[in-house]
Amino acid sequence: MLSCGYMALPWSDAVTTPADGENLSDTRYVTLLVRLVIPTRGRVHGEIIDVAGQTEARFVGWRNLVDALRRVARRDAGADDQEE
């Protein structure tokens, strides 16, 4: 189990096992937790938390969630902005 201070999460090999043909030397993994508040009325909001329990970013709205994830992942992993 992975403990983040807020809850315990089962750790899965699926997170760290590459798909066939992937080159691990070009891959860097970043673990982030997303805490969402989804109200029955109003906009979704929440925060992105690192595994140490520190808030990395806050957001309001789905589009801002995606933007915040990109910013934090880019900063923490030094990753290029890659679209899938």
PDB file of N, CA and C in Angstrom:
ATOM      1  N   MET A   1       0.845  -1.178   0.000  1.00  0.00           N
ATOM      2  CA  MET A   1       0.000   0.000   0.000  1.00  0.00           C
ATOM      3  C   MET A   1       0.890   1.241   0.000  1.00  0.00           C
ATOM      4  N   LEU A   2       0.441   2.242  -0.706  1.00  0.00           N
ATOM      5  CA  LEU A   2       1.117   3.533  -0.754  1.00  0.00           C
ATOM      6  C   LEU A   2       0.354   4.470   0.155  1.00  0.00           C
ATOM      7  N   SER A   3       1.026   5.034   1.141  1.00  0.00           N
ATOM      8  CA  SER A   3       0.355   5.943   2.055  1.00  0.00           C
ATOM      9  C   SER A   3       0.750   7.367   1.712  1.00  0.00           C
ATOM     10  N   CYS A   4      -0.233   8.228   1.592  1.00  0.00           N
ATOM     11  CA  CYS A   4       0.047   9.619   1.210  1.00  0.00           C
ATOM     12  C   CYS A   4      -0.327  10.591   2.317  1.00  0.00           C
ATOM     13  N   GLY A   5      -0.689  10.102   3.492  1.00  0.00           N
ATOM     14  CA  GLY A   5      -1.071  10.985   4.570  1.00  0.00           C
ATOM     15  C   GLY A   5      -2.561  11.243   4.598  1.00  0.00           C
ATOM     16  N   TYR A   6      -3.236  11.066   3.487  1.00  0.00           N
ATOM     17  CA  TYR A   6      -4.671  11.285   3.418  1.00  0.00           C
ATOM     18  C   TYR A   6      -5.429   9.964   3.347  1.00  0.00           C
ATOM     19  N   MET A   7      -4.876   9.022   2.618  1.00  0.00           N
ATOM     20  CA  MET A   7      -5.503   7.719   2.460  1.00  0.00           C
ATOM     21  C   MET A   7      -4.451   6.740   1.973  1.00  0.00           C
ATOM     22  N   ALA A   8      -4.725   5.463   2.122  1.00  0.00           N
ATOM     23  CA  ALA A   8      -3.824   4.440   1.614  1.00  0.00           C
ATOM     24  C   ALA A   8      -4.355   3.969   0.270  1.00  0.00           C
ATOM     25  N   LEU A   9      -3.467   3.892  -0.701  1.00  0.00           N
ATOM     26  CA  LEU A   9      -3.848   3.477  -2.040  1.00  0.00           C
ATOM     27  C   LEU A   9      -3.106   2.199  -2.405  1.00  0.00           C
ATOM     28  N   PRO A  10      -3.772   1.247  -3.048  1.00  0.00           N
ATOM     29  CA  PRO A  10      -3.042   0.057  -3.499  1.00  0.00           C
ATOM     30  C   PRO A  10      -2.077   0.434  -4.613  1.00  0.00           C
ATOM     31  N   TRP A  11      -0.866  -0.032  -4.535  1.00  0.00           N
ATOM     32  CA  TRP A  11       0.135   0.270  -5.556  1.00  0.00           C
ATOM     33  C   TRP A  11       0.066  -0.820  -6.600  1.00  0.00           C
ATOM     34  N   SER A  12       0.111  -0.448  -7.835  1.00  0.00           N
ATOM     35  CA  SER A  12      -0.050  -1.402  -8.915  1.00  0.00           C
ATOM     36  C   SER A  12       1.172  -1.411  -9.812  1.00  0.00           C
ATOM     37  N   ASP A  13       1.566  -2.601 -10.255  1.00  0.00           N
ATOM     38  CA  ASP A  13       2.657  -2.698 -11.218  1.00  0.00           C
ATOM     39  C   ASP A  13       2.283  -2.076 -12.550  1.00  0.00           C
ATOM     40  N   ALA A  14       0.986  -1.909 -12.799  1.00  0.00           N
ATOM     41  CA  ALA A  14       0.551  -1.309 -14.062  1.00  0.00           C
ATOM     42  C   ALA A  14       1.066   0.107 -14.217  1.00  0.00           C
ATOM     43  N   VAL A  15       1.327   0.784 -13.109  1.00  0.00           N
ATOM     44  CA  VAL A  15       1.820   2.158 -13.163  1.00  0.00           C
ATOM     45  C   VAL A  15       3.270   2.195 -13.621  1.00  0.00           C
ATOM     46  N   THR A  16       4.054   1.187 -13.240  1.00  0.00           N
ATOM     47  CA  THR A  16       5.484   1.222 -13.509  1.00  0.00           C
ATOM     48  C   THR A  16       5.933   0.232 -14.573  1.00  0.00           C
ATOM     49  N   THR A  17       5.042  -0.582 -15.076  1.00  0.00           N
ATOM     50  CA  THR A  17       5.399  -1.558 -16.096  1.00  0.00           C
ATOM     51  C   THR A  17       5.135  -0.978 -17.476  1.00  0.00           C
ATOM     52  N   PRO A  18       6.157  -0.916 -18.331  1.00  0.00           N
ATOM     53  CA  PRO A  18       5.965  -0.315 -19.645  1.00  0.00           C
ATOM     54  C   PRO A  18       5.144  -1.209 -20.565  1.00  0.00           C
ATOM     55  N   ALA A  19       4.461  -0.580 -21.496  1.00  0.00           N
ATOM     56  CA  ALA A  19       3.791  -1.334 -22.550  1.00  0.00           C
ATOM     57  C   ALA A  19       4.854  -1.904 -23.474  1.00  0.00           C
ATOM     58  N   ASP A  20       4.510  -2.922 -24.213  1.00  0.00           N
ATOM     59  CA  ASP A  20       5.475  -3.526 -25.139  1.00  0.00           C
ATOM     60  C   ASP A  20       6.070  -2.471 -26.053  1.00  0.00           C
ATOM     61  N   GLY A  21       7.398  -2.479 -26.151  1.00  0.00           N
ATOM     62  CA  GLY A  21       8.075  -1.595 -27.077  1.00  0.00           C
ATOM     63  C   GLY A  21       8.404  -0.218 -26.529  1.00  0.00           C
ATOM     64  N   GLU A  22       7.955   0.125 -25.318  1.00  0.00           N
ATOM     65  CA  GLU A  22       8.292   1.444 -24.771  1.00  0.00           C
ATOM     66  C   GLU A  22       9.743   1.469 -24.315  1.00  0.00           C
ATOM     67  N   ASN A  23      10.353   2.608 -24.432  1.00  0.00           N
ATOM     68  CA  ASN A  23      11.729   2.792 -24.003  1.00  0.00           C
ATOM     69  C   ASN A  23      11.712   3.500 -22.651  1.00  0.00           C
ATOM     70  N   LEU A  24      12.079   2.784 -21.575  1.00  0.00           N
ATOM     71  CA  LEU A  24      12.016   3.360 -20.236  1.00  0.00           C
ATOM     72  C   LEU A  24      13.014   4.494 -20.030  1.00  0.00           C
ATOM     73  N   SER A  25      14.086   4.534 -20.811  1.00  0.00           N
ATOM     74  CA  SER A  25      15.054   5.611 -20.623  1.00  0.00           C
ATOM     75  C   SER A  25      14.463   6.965 -21.004  1.00  0.00           C
ATOM     76  N   ASP A  26      13.408   6.969 -21.813  1.00  0.00           N
ATOM     77  CA  ASP A  26      12.769   8.216 -22.222  1.00  0.00           C
ATOM     78  C   ASP A  26      11.530   8.522 -21.395  1.00  0.00           C
ATOM     79  N   THR A  27      11.310   7.769 -20.319  1.00  0.00           N
ATOM     80  CA  THR A  27      10.092   7.913 -19.524  1.00  0.00           C
ATOM     81  C   THR A  27      10.439   8.309 -18.106  1.00  0.00           C
ATOM     82  N   ARG A  28       9.660   9.235 -17.580  1.00  0.00           N
ATOM     83  CA  ARG A  28       9.822   9.645 -16.182  1.00  0.00           C
ATOM     84  C   ARG A  28       8.444   9.645 -15.535  1.00  0.00           C
ATOM     85  N   TYR A  29       8.298   8.958 -14.423  1.00  0.00           N
ATOM     86  CA  TYR A  29       7.010   8.835 -13.763  1.00  0.00           C
ATOM     87  C   TYR A  29       6.863   9.877 -12.661  1.00  0.00           C
ATOM     88  N   VAL A  30       5.684  10.462 -12.572  1.00  0.00           N
ATOM     89  CA  VAL A  30       5.355  11.426 -11.537  1.00  0.00           C
ATOM     90  C   VAL A  30       4.063  10.945 -10.889  1.00  0.00           C
ATOM     91  N   THR A  31       4.054  10.859  -9.567  1.00  0.00           N
ATOM     92  CA  THR A  31       2.848  10.447  -8.856  1.00  0.00           C
ATOM     93  C   THR A  31       2.186  11.671  -8.257  1.00  0.00           C
ATOM     94  N   LEU A  32       0.946  11.888  -8.636  1.00  0.00           N
ATOM     95  CA  LEU A  32       0.161  13.005  -8.129  1.00  0.00           C
ATOM     96  C   LEU A  32      -1.213  12.495  -7.726  1.00  0.00           C
ATOM     97  N   LEU A  33      -1.790  13.108  -6.727  1.00  0.00           N
ATOM     98  CA  LEU A  33      -3.151  12.787  -6.307  1.00  0.00           C
ATOM     99  C   LEU A  33      -4.041  13.963  -6.661  1.00  0.00           C
ATOM    100  N   VAL A  34      -5.232  13.669  -7.134  1.00  0.00           N
ATOM    101  CA  VAL A  34      -6.187  14.723  -7.459  1.00  0.00           C
ATOM    102  C   VAL A  34      -7.368  14.583  -6.509  1.00  0.00           C
ATOM    103  N   ARG A  35      -7.591  15.622  -5.735  1.00  0.00           N
ATOM    104  CA  ARG A  35      -8.743  15.654  -4.832  1.00  0.00           C
ATOM    105  C   ARG A  35      -9.808  16.521  -5.492  1.00  0.00           C
ATOM    106  N   LEU A  36     -10.958  15.905  -5.799  1.00  0.00           N
ATOM    107  CA  LEU A  36     -12.034  16.598  -6.500  1.00  0.00           C
ATOM    108  C   LEU A  36     -13.224  16.832  -5.593  1.00  0.00           C
ATOM    109  N   VAL A  37     -13.848  17.983  -5.767  1.00  0.00           N
ATOM    110  CA  VAL A  37     -15.153  18.261  -5.171  1.00  0.00           C
ATOM    111  C   VAL A  37     -16.092  18.435  -6.352  1.00  0.00           C
ATOM    112  N   ILE A  38     -17.076  17.553  -6.449  1.00  0.00           N
ATOM    113  CA  ILE A  38     -18.023  17.601  -7.558  1.00  0.00           C
ATOM    114  C   ILE A  38     -19.390  17.927  -6.978  1.00  0.00           C
ATOM    115  N   PRO A  39     -19.739  19.214  -6.957  1.00  0.00           N
ATOM    116  CA  PRO A  39     -21.020  19.607  -6.380  1.00  0.00           C
ATOM    117  C   PRO A  39     -22.176  19.243  -7.311  1.00  0.00           C
ATOM    118  N   THR A  40     -23.366  19.071  -6.747  1.00  0.00           N
ATOM    119  CA  THR A  40     -24.530  18.795  -7.581  1.00  0.00           C
ATOM    120  C   THR A  40     -24.862  20.007  -8.442  1.00  0.00           C
ATOM    121  N   ARG A  41     -24.565  21.184  -7.945  1.00  0.00           N
ATOM    122  CA  ARG A  41     -24.705  22.419  -8.727  1.00  0.00           C
ATOM    123  C   ARG A  41     -23.403  23.187  -8.606  1.00  0.00           C
ATOM    124  N   GLY A  42     -23.027  23.798  -9.667  1.00  0.00           N
ATOM    125  CA  GLY A  42     -21.781  24.557  -9.628  1.00  0.00           C
ATOM    126  C   GLY A  42     -20.665  23.826 -10.348  1.00  0.00           C
ATOM    127  N   ARG A  43     -19.487  24.378 -10.226  1.00  0.00           N
ATOM    128  CA  ARG A  43     -18.335  23.860 -10.964  1.00  0.00           C
ATOM    129  C   ARG A  43     -17.491  22.937 -10.096  1.00  0.00           C
ATOM    130  N   VAL A  44     -16.907  21.931 -10.758  1.00  0.00           N
ATOM    131  CA  VAL A  44     -15.970  21.044 -10.086  1.00  0.00           C
ATOM    132  C   VAL A  44     -14.768  21.876  -9.637  1.00  0.00           C
ATOM    133  N   HIS A  45     -14.206  21.549  -8.492  1.00  0.00           N
ATOM    134  CA  HIS A  45     -12.991  22.214  -8.035  1.00  0.00           C
ATOM    135  C   HIS A  45     -12.204  21.239  -7.172  1.00  0.00           C
ATOM    136  N   GLY A  46     -10.960  21.589  -6.907  1.00  0.00           N
ATOM    137  CA  GLY A  46     -10.131  20.700  -6.102  1.00  0.00           C
ATOM    138  C   GLY A  46      -8.684  21.123  -6.095  1.00  0.00           C
ATOM    139  N   GLU A  47      -7.832  20.132  -5.803  1.00  0.00           N
ATOM    140  CA  GLU A  47      -6.400  20.403  -5.714  1.00  0.00           C
ATOM    141  C   GLU A  47      -5.607  19.190  -6.161  1.00  0.00           C
ATOM    142  N   ILE A  48      -4.383  19.447  -6.572  1.00  0.00           N
ATOM    143  CA  ILE A  48      -3.436  18.407  -6.937  1.00  0.00           C
ATOM    144  C   ILE A  48      -2.422  18.329  -5.810  1.00  0.00           C
ATOM    145  N   ILE A  49      -2.196  17.105  -5.313  1.00  0.00           N
ATOM    146  CA  ILE A  49      -1.357  16.891  -4.139  1.00  0.00           C
ATOM    147  C   ILE A  49      -0.216  15.952  -4.509  1.00  0.00           C
ATOM    148  N   ASP A  50       0.984  16.224  -4.009  1.00  0.00           N
ATOM    149  CA  ASP A  50       2.095  15.294  -4.222  1.00  0.00           C
ATOM    150  C   ASP A  50       2.041  14.190  -3.171  1.00  0.00           C
ATOM    151  N   VAL A  51       2.915  13.192  -3.282  1.00  0.00           N
ATOM    152  CA  VAL A  51       2.857  12.048  -2.366  1.00  0.00           C
ATOM    153  C   VAL A  51       3.266  12.408  -0.946  1.00  0.00           C
ATOM    154  N   ALA A  52       3.879  13.571  -0.758  1.00  0.00           N
ATOM    155  CA  ALA A  52       4.226  14.036   0.585  1.00  0.00           C
ATOM    156  C   ALA A  52       3.047  14.760   1.245  1.00  0.00           C
ATOM    157  N   GLY A  53       1.949  14.932   0.493  1.00  0.00           N
ATOM    158  CA  GLY A  53       0.773  15.587   1.043  1.00  0.00           C
ATOM    159  C   GLY A  53       0.750  17.091   0.851  1.00  0.00           C
ATOM    160  N   GLN A  54       1.696  17.623   0.065  1.00  0.00           N
ATOM    161  CA  GLN A  54       1.760  19.066  -0.178  1.00  0.00           C
ATOM    162  C   GLN A  54       0.881  19.434  -1.371  1.00  0.00           C
ATOM    163  N   THR A  55       0.128  20.506  -1.247  1.00  0.00           N
ATOM    164  CA  THR A  55      -0.697  20.976  -2.354  1.00  0.00           C
ATOM    165  C   THR A  55       0.195  21.588  -3.424  1.00  0.00           C
ATOM    166  N   GLU A  56       0.098  21.054  -4.627  1.00  0.00           N
ATOM    167  CA  GLU A  56       0.882  21.546  -5.765  1.00  0.00           C
ATOM    168  C   GLU A  56       0.117  22.592  -6.570  1.00  0.00           C
ATOM    169  N   ALA A  57      -1.203  22.450  -6.658  1.00  0.00           N
ATOM    170  CA  ALA A  57      -2.025  23.389  -7.426  1.00  0.00           C
ATOM    171  C   ALA A  57      -3.479  23.249  -7.000  1.00  0.00           C
ATOM    172  N   ARG A  58      -4.225  24.325  -7.169  1.00  0.00           N
ATOM    173  CA  ARG A  58      -5.677  24.318  -6.957  1.00  0.00           C
ATOM    174  C   ARG A  58      -6.323  24.706  -8.275  1.00  0.00           C
ATOM    175  N   PHE A  59      -7.560  24.275  -8.482  1.00  0.00           N
ATOM    176  CA  PHE A  59      -8.234  24.560  -9.744  1.00  0.00           C
ATOM    177  C   PHE A  59      -9.739  24.646  -9.537  1.00  0.00           C
ATOM    178  N   VAL A  60     -10.387  25.304 -10.471  1.00  0.00           N
ATOM    179  CA  VAL A  60     -11.848  25.380 -10.549  1.00  0.00           C
ATOM    180  C   VAL A  60     -12.203  25.114 -12.002  1.00  0.00           C
ATOM    181  N   GLY A  61     -12.995  24.087 -12.269  1.00  0.00           N
ATOM    182  CA  GLY A  61     -13.413  23.740 -13.628  1.00  0.00           C
ATOM    183  C   GLY A  61     -12.549  22.636 -14.225  1.00  0.00           C
ATOM    184  N   TRP A  62     -13.167  21.863 -15.115  1.00  0.00           N
ATOM    185  CA  TRP A  62     -12.474  20.725 -15.735  1.00  0.00           C
ATOM    186  C   TRP A  62     -11.280  21.167 -16.564  1.00  0.00           C
ATOM    187  N   ARG A  63     -11.443  22.201 -17.340  1.00  0.00           N
ATOM    188  CA  ARG A  63     -10.340  22.660 -18.198  1.00  0.00           C
ATOM    189  C   ARG A  63      -9.154  23.113 -17.348  1.00  0.00           C
ATOM    190  N   ASN A  64      -9.422  23.800 -16.234  1.00  0.00           N
ATOM    191  CA  ASN A  64      -8.344  24.234 -15.352  1.00  0.00           C
ATOM    192  C   ASN A  64      -7.673  23.053 -14.652  1.00  0.00           C
ATOM    193  N   LEU A  65      -8.427  21.964 -14.407  1.00  0.00           N
ATOM    194  CA  LEU A  65      -7.826  20.744 -13.858  1.00  0.00           C
ATOM    195  C   LEU A  65      -6.772  20.218 -14.823  1.00  0.00           C
ATOM    196  N   VAL A  66      -7.116  20.100 -16.083  1.00  0.00           N
ATOM    197  CA  VAL A  66      -6.169  19.602 -17.089  1.00  0.00           C
ATOM    198  C   VAL A  66      -4.961  20.526 -17.190  1.00  0.00           C
ATOM    199  N   ASP A  67      -5.189  21.827 -17.231  1.00  0.00           N
ATOM    200  CA  ASP A  67      -4.082  22.786 -17.298  1.00  0.00           C
ATOM    201  C   ASP A  67      -3.166  22.670 -16.077  1.00  0.00           C
ATOM    202  N   ALA A  68      -3.761  22.532 -14.890  1.00  0.00           N
ATOM    203  CA  ALA A  68      -2.972  22.400 -13.660  1.00  0.00           C
ATOM    204  C   ALA A  68      -2.153  21.114 -13.669  1.00  0.00           C
ATOM    205  N   LEU A  69      -2.743  20.012 -14.126  1.00  0.00           N
ATOM    206  CA  LEU A  69      -2.001  18.750 -14.219  1.00  0.00           C
ATOM    207  C   LEU A  69      -0.809  18.878 -15.157  1.00  0.00           C
ATOM    208  N   ARG A  70      -1.014  19.526 -16.281  1.00  0.00           N
ATOM    209  CA  ARG A  70       0.095  19.723 -17.222  1.00  0.00           C
ATOM    210  C   ARG A  70       1.204  20.557 -16.607  1.00  0.00           C
ATOM    211  N   ARG A  71       0.843  21.655 -15.940  1.00  0.00           N
ATOM    212  CA  ARG A  71       1.855  22.526 -15.318  1.00  0.00           C
ATOM    213  C   ARG A  71       2.655  21.777 -14.261  1.00  0.00           C
ATOM    214  N   VAL A  72       1.960  21.070 -13.377  1.00  0.00           N
ATOM    215  CA  VAL A  72       2.634  20.368 -12.288  1.00  0.00           C
ATOM    216  C   VAL A  72       3.500  19.240 -12.831  1.00  0.00           C
ATOM    217  N   ALA A  73       2.988  18.451 -13.769  1.00  0.00           N
ATOM    218  CA  ALA A  73       3.763  17.347 -14.333  1.00  0.00           C
ATOM    219  C   ALA A  73       4.991  17.859 -15.070  1.00  0.00           C
ATOM    220  N   ARG A  74       4.826  18.936 -15.826  1.00  0.00           N
ATOM    221  CA  ARG A  74       5.952  19.519 -16.558  1.00  0.00           C
ATOM    222  C   ARG A  74       7.021  20.016 -15.592  1.00  0.00           C
ATOM    223  N   ARG A  75       6.582  20.693 -14.538  1.00  0.00           N
ATOM    224  CA  ARG A  75       7.529  21.237 -13.558  1.00  0.00           C
ATOM    225  C   ARG A  75       8.225  20.120 -12.793  1.00  0.00           C
ATOM    226  N   ASP A  76       7.463  19.143 -12.300  1.00  0.00           N
ATOM    227  CA  ASP A  76       8.041  18.100 -11.461  1.00  0.00           C
ATOM    228  C   ASP A  76       8.858  17.077 -12.227  1.00  0.00           C
ATOM    229  N   ALA A  77       8.492  16.801 -13.465  1.00  0.00           N
ATOM    230  CA  ALA A  77       9.198  15.782 -14.229  1.00  0.00           C
ATOM    231  C   ALA A  77      10.124  16.372 -15.274  1.00  0.00           C
ATOM    232  N   GLY A  78      10.021  17.675 -15.484  1.00  0.00           N
ATOM    233  CA  GLY A  78      10.809  18.266 -16.550  1.00  0.00           C
ATOM    234  C   GLY A  78      10.340  17.774 -17.909  1.00  0.00           C
ATOM    235  N   ALA A  79       9.064  17.354 -17.977  1.00  0.00           N
ATOM    236  CA  ALA A  79       8.523  16.772 -19.198  1.00  0.00           C
ATOM    237  C   ALA A  79       8.171  17.848 -20.207  1.00  0.00           C
ATOM    238  N   ASP A  80       8.269  17.481 -21.479  1.00  0.00           N
ATOM    239  CA  ASP A  80       7.781  18.356 -22.542  1.00  0.00           C
ATOM    240  C   ASP A  80       6.277  18.250 -22.588  1.00  0.00           C
ATOM    241  N   ASP A  81       5.622  19.257 -23.120  1.00  0.00           N
ATOM    242  CA  ASP A  81       4.163  19.221 -23.284  1.00  0.00           C
ATOM    243  C   ASP A  81       3.859  18.309 -24.457  1.00  0.00           C
ATOM    244  N   GLN A  82       3.472  17.057 -24.133  1.00  0.00           N
ATOM    245  CA  GLN A  82       3.189  16.072 -25.159  1.00  0.00           C
ATOM    246  C   GLN A  82       1.712  15.755 -25.161  1.00  0.00           C
ATOM    247  N   GLU A  83       1.102  15.839 -26.312  1.00  0.00           N
ATOM    248  CA  GLU A  83      -0.304  15.474 -26.472  1.00  0.00           C
ATOM    249  C   GLU A  83      -0.385  14.004 -26.824  1.00  0.00           C
ATOM    250  N   GLU A  84      -1.402  13.350 -26.315  1.00  0.00           N
ATOM    251  CA  GLU A  84      -1.605  11.948 -26.675  1.00  0.00           C
ATOM    252  C   GLU A  84      -2.570  11.842 -27.807  1.00  0.00           C
TER     253      GLU A  84
END
